[in-house]
Amino acid sequence: MTPTIVGPEAEAHLDWIALTDAIVAGHRLPKAEIADTFLRRRADTLLTRSAWIDGLGLAVKAATIFPGNESLGLANVQGALGLFDDRTGALRAYLDFGLVTKWKTAADSLLAARLLARPQSRNFLIVGAGAVARSMVQAYAAAFPQARFHVWTRSPEKARAFAVETGAHPVEDLEAAVRAADVIATATMATQPIIRGAWLRPGTHLDLIGAYRSDMREVDDDAMRRARVFVDSRATTVHHIGEIMAPIASGALSEQDIVADFYDIAEGRFARISDDEITIAKNGGGAHLDLMTADYILRATAG
């Protein structure tokens, strides 16, 4: 069997709602086995993320992170994903790294918002103005057609450029924007909290996306105390990402306080229970989500 090669052009065949439905279906299968490896040469890194879901298949996503590439006019992050058949182990496809990562990351948080945000939510605040932030505008708009988007970032120039590209309204006062928001998505590289729990009004939903290391977080302890906290995967967040680790260490949150992850969707536990509660969903990612996304992309482009 000759492997299929799937590039960025496949995006024309993809649908945000269909992908979130595929992620729900993937979490009805046996729990994924996942593993990450890192190889380093000074500032350069090779990251491989692997997953195996019985009944779905296997995936290995490899990424090279070479910070010096910017001076060469090349992307700092490059890679590809190999998708393998569950029954035979045969290579089914190579998929573009950027395509899989974009759709996996945004769909992860979109699924959380579909389950936790109030259906009547209209005022969406995007904190950050990078590629993930742009993807979140596309993703949210698919599920919340009434959404009005605002963007805040430390650079007014980047906020204005983001607004031109996405139609979002740039805001300068972060606190005021948070207080007015129904849904907030944070997609920054912050290592110290930029969102304060005291700013959150009842009923707000937050999708925390940016923090991916143990020294990174985007909201403070007070936000964690006030909210019902959810994660996409306990295995990839609780002991790995500062957003969860720091409030556990301070006593603002306990591991038992985490209400649910995506494997609890089928039991109805990943859900809002009142209009006035604050909900937080931490997007930690993981190779199992890359596998579910890659399988969806391959099926969507083959259809």
Protein backbone atom coordinates (compact mmCIF):
# COMPACT_ATOMS: atom_id res chain seq x y z
CA MET A 1 0.00 0.00 0.00
CA THR A 2 1.43 3.35 -1.05
CA PRO A 3 1.09 5.92 1.75
CA THR A 4 -1.04 8.95 1.04
CA ILE A 5 0.66 12.33 1.33
CA VAL A 6 -1.59 15.02 2.82
CA GLY A 7 -0.47 18.64 2.61
CA PRO A 8 -1.90 22.01 3.64
CA GLU A 9 -4.25 22.02 0.64
CA ALA A 10 -6.37 19.44 2.48
CA GLU A 11 -7.71 22.23 4.69
CA ALA A 12 -10.42 22.98 2.12
CA HIS A 13 -12.03 19.63 2.97
CA LEU A 14 -12.07 20.03 6.75
CA ASP A 15 -14.84 21.07 9.12
CA TRP A 16 -14.38 22.19 12.73
CA ILE A 17 -17.57 20.63 14.06
CA ALA A 18 -16.89 17.31 12.35
CA LEU A 19 -13.41 17.20 13.86
CA THR A 20 -14.69 17.83 17.39
CA ASP A 21 -17.22 15.03 16.86
CA ALA A 22 -14.35 12.76 15.75
CA ILE A 23 -12.44 13.63 18.92
CA VAL A 24 -15.46 12.69 21.03
CA ALA A 25 -15.67 9.36 19.14
CA GLY A 26 -11.95 8.76 19.67
CA HIS A 27 -12.41 9.12 23.42
CA ARG A 28 -15.01 6.34 23.41
CA LEU A 29 -12.26 3.91 22.36
CA PRO A 30 -9.77 2.35 24.81
CA LYS A 31 -7.53 4.93 26.48
CA ALA A 32 -4.53 5.90 24.38
CA GLU A 33 -0.98 4.86 25.14
CA ILE A 34 1.23 7.91 24.59
CA ALA A 35 4.93 8.76 24.79
CA ASP A 36 7.13 11.77 24.04
CA THR A 37 10.87 11.85 23.40
CA PHE A 38 13.30 14.78 23.12
CA LEU A 39 16.72 14.92 21.50
CA ARG A 40 18.75 18.11 21.78
CA ARG A 41 21.80 19.72 20.21
CA ARG A 42 22.41 22.95 22.07
CA ALA A 43 19.41 25.17 21.18
CA ASP A 44 18.04 22.74 18.55
CA THR A 45 15.47 20.08 19.45
CA LEU A 46 13.90 17.02 17.90
CA LEU A 47 10.55 16.21 19.50
CA THR A 48 8.64 13.02 18.72
CA ARG A 49 5.15 12.37 20.04
CA SER A 50 3.65 8.90 19.65
CA ALA A 51 0.20 7.45 20.31
CA TRP A 52 -1.56 4.13 19.91
CA ILE A 53 -5.32 3.79 20.26
CA ASP A 54 -6.62 0.26 19.98
CA GLY A 55 -9.25 0.27 17.25
CA LEU A 56 -8.06 3.53 15.65
CA GLY A 57 -4.38 3.24 14.84
CA LEU A 58 -0.93 4.58 15.59
CA ALA A 59 0.72 7.93 14.97
CA VAL A 60 4.19 9.39 15.31
CA LYS A 61 4.54 13.16 14.98
CA ALA A 62 8.11 14.41 14.65
CA ALA A 63 9.03 18.07 14.91
CA THR A 64 12.35 19.86 14.63
CA ILE A 65 12.63 23.13 16.55
CA PHE A 66 15.61 25.12 15.27
CA PRO A 67 15.52 28.69 16.68
CA GLY A 68 18.30 29.85 14.36
CA ASN A 69 16.21 29.22 11.26
CA GLU A 70 14.62 32.65 11.47
CA SER A 71 17.90 34.26 10.42
CA LEU A 72 17.92 31.93 7.39
CA GLY A 73 14.40 32.83 6.36
CA LEU A 74 13.12 29.37 7.35
CA ALA A 75 10.42 28.21 9.77
CA ASN A 76 11.67 27.54 13.30
CA VAL A 77 9.37 24.51 13.62
CA GLN A 78 9.07 21.87 10.90
CA GLY A 79 7.86 18.30 10.87
CA ALA A 80 5.47 15.63 9.71
CA LEU A 81 3.13 13.00 11.11
CA GLY A 82 3.12 9.33 10.15
CA LEU A 83 -0.24 7.56 10.48
CA PHE A 84 -0.19 3.76 10.76
CA ASP A 85 -2.88 1.12 10.35
CA ASP A 86 -4.17 -0.37 13.60
CA ARG A 87 -4.55 -3.93 12.27
CA THR A 88 -1.37 -4.35 10.19
CA GLY A 89 0.93 -1.53 11.28
CA ALA A 90 1.27 -0.44 7.65
CA LEU A 91 1.97 3.21 6.96
CA ARG A 92 -1.29 4.81 5.82
CA ALA A 93 -0.22 8.41 5.31
CA TYR A 94 2.22 11.24 5.87
CA LEU A 95 0.45 14.41 6.99
CA ASP A 96 1.74 17.97 7.11
CA PHE A 97 2.83 18.90 10.62
CA GLY A 98 1.35 22.39 10.56
CA LEU A 99 -2.01 21.19 9.26
CA VAL A 100 -2.43 18.56 11.98
CA THR A 101 -1.17 20.82 14.77
CA LYS A 102 -3.41 23.74 13.79
CA TRP A 103 -6.59 21.70 13.60
CA LYS A 104 -5.81 19.56 16.65
CA THR A 105 -5.02 22.53 18.88
CA ALA A 106 -8.02 24.66 17.97
CA ALA A 107 -10.48 21.76 17.87
CA ASP A 108 -9.34 20.68 21.35
CA SER A 109 -10.45 24.02 22.82
CA LEU A 110 -13.49 24.28 20.56
CA LEU A 111 -14.75 20.97 21.91
CA ALA A 112 -14.33 22.24 25.47
CA ALA A 113 -16.25 25.42 24.60
CA ARG A 114 -19.05 23.44 22.93
CA LEU A 115 -19.49 21.51 26.17
CA LEU A 116 -18.81 24.25 28.75
CA ALA A 117 -19.56 27.70 27.33
CA ARG A 118 -23.10 29.01 27.61
CA PRO A 119 -24.87 28.42 24.27
CA GLN A 120 -25.91 32.10 24.13
CA SER A 121 -22.28 33.30 24.43
CA ARG A 122 -21.60 36.21 22.08
CA ASN A 123 -18.62 38.19 23.38
CA PHE A 124 -15.36 36.30 22.68
CA LEU A 125 -11.98 37.62 23.83
CA ILE A 126 -8.81 36.27 22.23
CA VAL A 127 -5.67 36.96 24.30
CA GLY A 128 -2.70 36.70 21.97
CA ALA A 129 -2.36 37.34 18.25
CA GLY A 130 -0.36 34.43 16.87
CA ALA A 131 -1.28 31.50 14.66
CA VAL A 132 -3.22 29.67 17.38
CA ALA A 133 -5.23 32.80 18.17
CA ARG A 134 -6.19 33.15 14.50
CA SER A 135 -7.26 29.52 14.40
CA MET A 136 -9.48 30.03 17.44
CA VAL A 137 -11.45 32.75 15.64
CA GLN A 138 -12.15 30.30 12.80
CA ALA A 139 -13.02 27.46 15.18
CA TYR A 140 -15.29 29.41 17.53
CA ALA A 141 -17.14 30.98 14.59
CA ALA A 142 -18.09 27.50 13.37
CA ALA A 143 -19.90 26.65 16.61
CA PHE A 144 -21.01 30.12 17.74
CA PRO A 145 -22.20 31.96 14.60
CA GLN A 146 -23.33 34.90 16.73
CA ALA A 147 -19.82 35.42 18.14
CA ARG A 148 -18.26 38.88 18.18
CA PHE A 149 -14.48 38.76 18.59
CA HIS A 150 -12.14 41.06 20.47
CA VAL A 151 -8.36 40.69 20.67
CA TRP A 152 -5.80 41.85 23.21
CA THR A 153 -2.06 41.49 22.98
CA ARG A 154 0.87 43.41 24.44
CA SER A 155 1.72 44.76 20.98
CA PRO A 156 -0.93 47.18 19.62
CA GLU A 157 0.56 46.76 16.14
CA LYS A 158 0.04 42.99 16.24
CA ALA A 159 -3.49 43.47 17.57
CA ARG A 160 -4.32 45.78 14.68
CA ALA A 161 -2.86 43.34 12.14
CA PHE A 162 -4.85 40.53 13.74
CA ALA A 163 -8.00 42.65 13.50
CA VAL A 164 -7.46 43.31 9.80
CA GLU A 165 -6.99 39.59 9.12
CA THR A 166 -9.81 38.22 11.28
CA GLY A 167 -12.31 41.03 11.76
CA ALA A 168 -11.78 41.04 15.52
CA HIS A 169 -11.92 44.34 17.41
CA PRO A 170 -8.63 45.26 19.13
CA VAL A 171 -8.90 46.28 22.79
CA GLU A 172 -6.31 48.01 24.99
CA ASP A 173 -7.76 47.47 28.48
CA LEU A 174 -7.37 43.77 29.27
CA GLU A 175 -9.20 43.91 32.59
CA ALA A 176 -12.25 45.61 31.07
CA ALA A 177 -12.26 43.15 28.16
CA VAL A 178 -12.11 40.16 30.53
CA ARG A 179 -14.94 41.55 32.64
CA ALA A 180 -17.13 41.88 29.53
CA ALA A 181 -16.32 38.52 27.93
CA ASP A 182 -18.49 35.41 27.77
CA VAL A 183 -15.65 33.23 26.44
CA ILE A 184 -11.91 33.89 26.73
CA ALA A 185 -9.16 32.05 24.88
CA THR A 186 -5.56 32.59 26.00
CA ALA A 187 -2.89 31.73 23.46
CA THR A 188 0.28 33.36 24.75
CA MET A 189 3.78 32.41 25.84
CA ALA A 190 3.24 33.82 29.34
CA THR A 191 5.21 32.44 32.28
CA GLN A 192 3.32 34.61 34.79
CA PRO A 193 -0.47 34.99 35.01
CA ILE A 194 -1.99 37.68 32.82
CA ILE A 195 -5.66 36.92 33.62
CA ARG A 196 -6.83 37.63 37.19
CA GLY A 197 -9.62 35.65 38.80
CA ALA A 198 -11.02 38.83 40.32
CA TRP A 199 -11.84 40.07 36.81
CA LEU A 200 -14.03 37.10 35.88
CA ARG A 201 -17.78 37.52 35.92
CA PRO A 202 -20.21 34.64 36.64
CA GLY A 203 -20.84 32.44 33.63
CA THR A 204 -17.51 33.05 31.92
CA HIS A 205 -15.74 30.19 30.16
CA LEU A 206 -11.95 30.20 29.67
CA ASP A 207 -9.99 28.07 27.22
CA LEU A 208 -6.35 28.09 28.34
CA ILE A 209 -4.13 27.12 25.43
CA GLY A 210 -0.72 28.76 25.59
CA ALA A 211 1.06 27.19 28.56
CA TYR A 212 2.76 23.92 27.67
CA ARG A 213 5.76 23.80 30.04
CA SER A 214 6.05 23.47 33.79
CA ASP A 215 7.14 27.13 34.08
CA MET A 216 4.22 28.58 32.09
CA ARG A 217 0.77 29.77 33.13
CA GLU A 218 -1.79 32.31 31.95
CA VAL A 219 -4.27 32.66 34.87
CA ASP A 220 -3.73 33.17 38.59
CA ASP A 221 -4.62 31.02 41.60
CA ASP A 222 -7.76 33.03 42.25
CA ALA A 223 -9.15 32.08 38.86
CA MET A 224 -8.54 28.42 39.65
CA ARG A 225 -10.26 28.76 43.04
CA ARG A 226 -13.34 30.43 41.56
CA ALA A 227 -13.78 28.06 38.60
CA ARG A 228 -14.77 24.49 37.95
CA VAL A 229 -11.60 23.21 36.28
CA PHE A 230 -11.45 20.74 33.37
CA VAL A 231 -8.55 19.40 31.29
CA ASP A 232 -8.43 17.69 27.93
CA SER A 233 -6.24 14.92 29.37
CA ARG A 234 -5.12 14.37 32.93
CA ALA A 235 -2.13 12.41 31.62
CA THR A 236 -0.70 15.38 29.69
CA THR A 237 -1.54 18.25 32.05
CA VAL A 238 -1.62 17.51 35.77
CA HIS A 239 2.07 16.77 36.31
CA HIS A 240 3.45 18.50 33.22
CA ILE A 241 2.05 22.03 32.79
CA GLY A 242 2.48 24.95 35.16
CA GLU A 243 -1.11 26.04 34.65
CA ILE A 244 -2.16 23.04 36.75
CA MET A 245 1.04 22.28 38.66
CA ALA A 246 1.44 25.75 40.21
CA PRO A 247 -2.03 26.04 41.78
CA ILE A 248 -1.74 22.46 43.06
CA ALA A 249 1.60 23.35 44.66
CA SER A 250 0.14 26.48 46.27
CA GLY A 251 -2.97 24.70 47.52
CA ALA A 252 -5.35 26.74 45.35
CA LEU A 253 -6.30 23.56 43.49
CA SER A 254 -6.08 19.85 44.18
CA GLU A 255 -5.88 17.07 41.65
CA GLN A 256 -9.28 15.91 42.92
CA ASP A 257 -10.73 19.34 42.09
CA ILE A 258 -10.29 18.67 38.36
CA VAL A 259 -13.84 17.81 37.37
CA ALA A 260 -13.24 15.80 34.21
CA ASP A 261 -11.19 15.24 31.08
CA PHE A 262 -12.33 14.22 27.61
CA TYR A 263 -12.48 10.55 28.61
CA ASP A 264 -15.36 11.55 30.93
CA ILE A 265 -17.51 13.05 28.16
CA ALA A 266 -19.46 9.82 27.64
CA GLU A 267 -20.50 9.86 31.30
CA GLY A 268 -21.73 13.45 31.02
CA ARG A 269 -19.17 14.79 33.51
CA PHE A 270 -17.50 17.22 31.11
CA ALA A 271 -20.36 19.70 31.31
CA ARG A 272 -21.57 23.02 32.70
CA ILE A 273 -24.10 22.62 35.51
CA SER A 274 -25.28 26.22 35.96
CA ASP A 275 -25.38 29.48 34.00
CA ASP A 276 -23.46 31.42 36.62
CA GLU A 277 -20.50 29.11 37.22
CA ILE A 278 -17.06 29.99 35.86
CA THR A 279 -15.47 27.18 33.86
CA ILE A 280 -11.83 26.71 32.89
CA ALA A 281 -10.60 24.14 30.36
CA LYS A 282 -6.85 23.55 30.05
CA ASN A 283 -5.72 22.50 26.58
CA GLY A 284 -2.65 20.34 27.10
CA GLY A 285 -2.66 18.54 23.77
CA GLY A 286 -1.07 15.15 23.39
CA ALA A 287 -0.19 12.67 20.66
CA HIS A 288 -3.53 10.86 21.06
CA LEU A 289 -5.27 14.05 19.86
CA ASP A 290 -2.85 14.27 16.94
CA LEU A 291 -3.80 10.68 16.07
CA MET A 292 -7.54 11.40 16.22
CA THR A 293 -7.07 14.54 14.14
CA ALA A 294 -4.88 12.86 11.54
CA ASP A 295 -7.36 10.01 11.14
CA TYR A 296 -10.19 12.53 10.65
CA ILE A 297 -8.17 14.54 8.10
CA LEU A 298 -7.30 11.45 6.10
CA ARG A 299 -10.93 10.31 6.01
CA ALA A 300 -12.18 13.81 5.13
CA THR A 301 -9.77 14.18 2.23
CA ALA A 302 -10.47 10.67 0.94
CA GLY A 303 -14.23 11.19 0.91
